[in-house]
Amino acid sequence: MAKTVSLREVFPGNVLAAKVTTPTGMVLLPAGVKLTREQLEKIRKFGVHTIKVE
């Protein structure tokens, strides 16, 4: 079951349950991606604070 969590609760290896978009609507990553440390850093830099993970 997917849940919305703070980026502080997400770790490399978690899988996205929904696409990640910036506050302006730009898509950063599609659903289904297994997150890496680099991707999590990129998400943070774009001002995203919560994401949906499986």
C-alpha atoms as a PDB file:
ATOM      1  CA  MET A   1       0.000   0.000   0.000  1.00  0.00           C
ATOM      2  CA  ALA A   2       1.330   3.423  -0.961  1.00  0.00           C
ATOM      3  CA  LYS A   3       1.860   6.075   1.675  1.00  0.00           C
ATOM      4  CA  THR A   4       2.862   9.730   1.613  1.00  0.00           C
ATOM      5  CA  VAL A   5       5.990  10.331   3.677  1.00  0.00           C
ATOM      6  CA  SER A   6       8.445  13.099   4.467  1.00  0.00           C
ATOM      7  CA  LEU A   7      11.761  12.902   2.626  1.00  0.00           C
ATOM      8  CA  ARG A   8      13.347  12.437   6.068  1.00  0.00           C
ATOM      9  CA  GLU A   9      11.622   9.025   6.197  1.00  0.00           C
ATOM     10  CA  VAL A  10      12.748   7.877   2.732  1.00  0.00           C
ATOM     11  CA  PHE A  11      15.874   5.824   2.108  1.00  0.00           C
ATOM     12  CA  PRO A  12      17.740   4.592  -0.960  1.00  0.00           C
ATOM     13  CA  GLY A  13      15.977   1.479  -2.179  1.00  0.00           C
ATOM     14  CA  ASN A  14      12.454   2.748  -1.464  1.00  0.00           C
ATOM     15  CA  VAL A  15      10.202   2.558  -4.551  1.00  0.00           C
ATOM     16  CA  LEU A  16       8.090   5.479  -5.743  1.00  0.00           C
ATOM     17  CA  ALA A  17       4.349   4.789  -5.768  1.00  0.00           C
ATOM     18  CA  ALA A  18       3.624   7.987  -7.733  1.00  0.00           C
ATOM     19  CA  LYS A  19       5.604  10.369  -9.920  1.00  0.00           C
ATOM     20  CA  VAL A  20       7.554  13.087  -8.148  1.00  0.00           C
ATOM     21  CA  THR A  21       6.894  16.635  -9.294  1.00  0.00           C
ATOM     22  CA  THR A  22       8.373  19.970  -8.275  1.00  0.00           C
ATOM     23  CA  PRO A  23       6.184  22.668  -6.711  1.00  0.00           C
ATOM     24  CA  THR A  24       5.889  24.156 -10.239  1.00  0.00           C
ATOM     25  CA  GLY A  25       4.736  20.859 -11.769  1.00  0.00           C
ATOM     26  CA  MET A  26       7.898  19.626 -13.477  1.00  0.00           C
ATOM     27  CA  VAL A  27       8.170  15.826 -13.331  1.00  0.00           C
ATOM     28  CA  LEU A  28      11.428  14.726 -11.685  1.00  0.00           C
ATOM     29  CA  LEU A  29      10.908  10.952 -11.535  1.00  0.00           C
ATOM     30  CA  PRO A  30       8.180   8.543 -12.684  1.00  0.00           C
ATOM     31  CA  ALA A  31       6.364   6.071 -10.455  1.00  0.00           C
ATOM     32  CA  GLY A  32       8.080   2.705 -10.005  1.00  0.00           C
ATOM     33  CA  VAL A  33      11.615   4.075  -9.643  1.00  0.00           C
ATOM     34  CA  LYS A  34      13.806   2.454  -6.979  1.00  0.00           C
ATOM     35  CA  LEU A  35      15.370   5.513  -5.357  1.00  0.00           C
ATOM     36  CA  THR A  36      19.103   6.154  -5.058  1.00  0.00           C
ATOM     37  CA  ARG A  37      20.869   8.584  -2.731  1.00  0.00           C
ATOM     38  CA  GLU A  38      21.589  10.867  -5.691  1.00  0.00           C
ATOM     39  CA  GLN A  39      17.918  10.955  -6.720  1.00  0.00           C
ATOM     40  CA  LEU A  40      16.863  11.807  -3.153  1.00  0.00           C
ATOM     41  CA  GLU A  41      19.343  14.710  -3.105  1.00  0.00           C
ATOM     42  CA  LYS A  42      17.942  15.958  -6.441  1.00  0.00           C
ATOM     43  CA  ILE A  43      14.372  15.791  -5.109  1.00  0.00           C
ATOM     44  CA  ARG A  44      15.363  17.834  -2.035  1.00  0.00           C
ATOM     45  CA  LYS A  45      17.142  20.469  -4.146  1.00  0.00           C
ATOM     46  CA  PHE A  46      13.923  21.052  -6.104  1.00  0.00           C
ATOM     47  CA  GLY A  47      11.973  21.874  -2.938  1.00  0.00           C
ATOM     48  CA  VAL A  48       9.935  18.690  -2.683  1.00  0.00           C
ATOM     49  CA  HIS A  49       9.165  17.751   0.941  1.00  0.00           C
ATOM     50  CA  THR A  50       6.919  14.679   0.671  1.00  0.00           C
ATOM     51  CA  ILE A  51       6.619  11.792  -1.769  1.00  0.00           C
ATOM     52  CA  LYS A  52       4.535   8.625  -2.132  1.00  0.00           C
ATOM     53  CA  VAL A  53       6.376   5.337  -1.662  1.00  0.00           C
ATOM     54  CA  GLU A  54       5.299   1.713  -1.788  1.00  0.00           C
END
